[in-house]
């Protein structure tokens, strides 16, 4: 890279960033906008169009790219508003219910992979809402064994659902 461009970059990056931040208030978006503006100037500089290699041109480019980003955000926001407020409520509710049913089915499949005794302990503790002591008496095992079954089942479920490829 030419020293002239490198010097120009070092001298003007902070001002370009501050201009972008003043418009966008988003650090990552500002970095993208400023990087895109400097990339454009580098292409122009490398192609011999050095008349555009000015601070004024850089700042105008940053401003225009920031405005483009604001327009994109506004468009996304309008689309989201439309979906939330104009989409058929029954369709949205159906989609939510389908997703919940899928989640319940996945949980039930995961529970089916537990041993019968661990599954019985989990159902007694979490579905029937029984205390460990009650489950232990009912199954003829110790309270600490009930706790071990619960801890084992929860660990397995956590492991399965923390892994997106289960």
Foldseek 3Di string as FASTA:
>chain_A
DDVVLVVLCVVCVVVLLVLLCVLAVDNVLSVVLLVVLSVVLVVCVVVPVCVCVDSVNSNVSSVVSSVVVVVVVVVVVVVVCCCVPVNDPVVVVVVVVVVVVVVVVVVVVLLVPADPVLSVLCCCCPVVVDQLCVSCVVVVHDSVVSVVSPVVSVVSVCVVVVDPVD
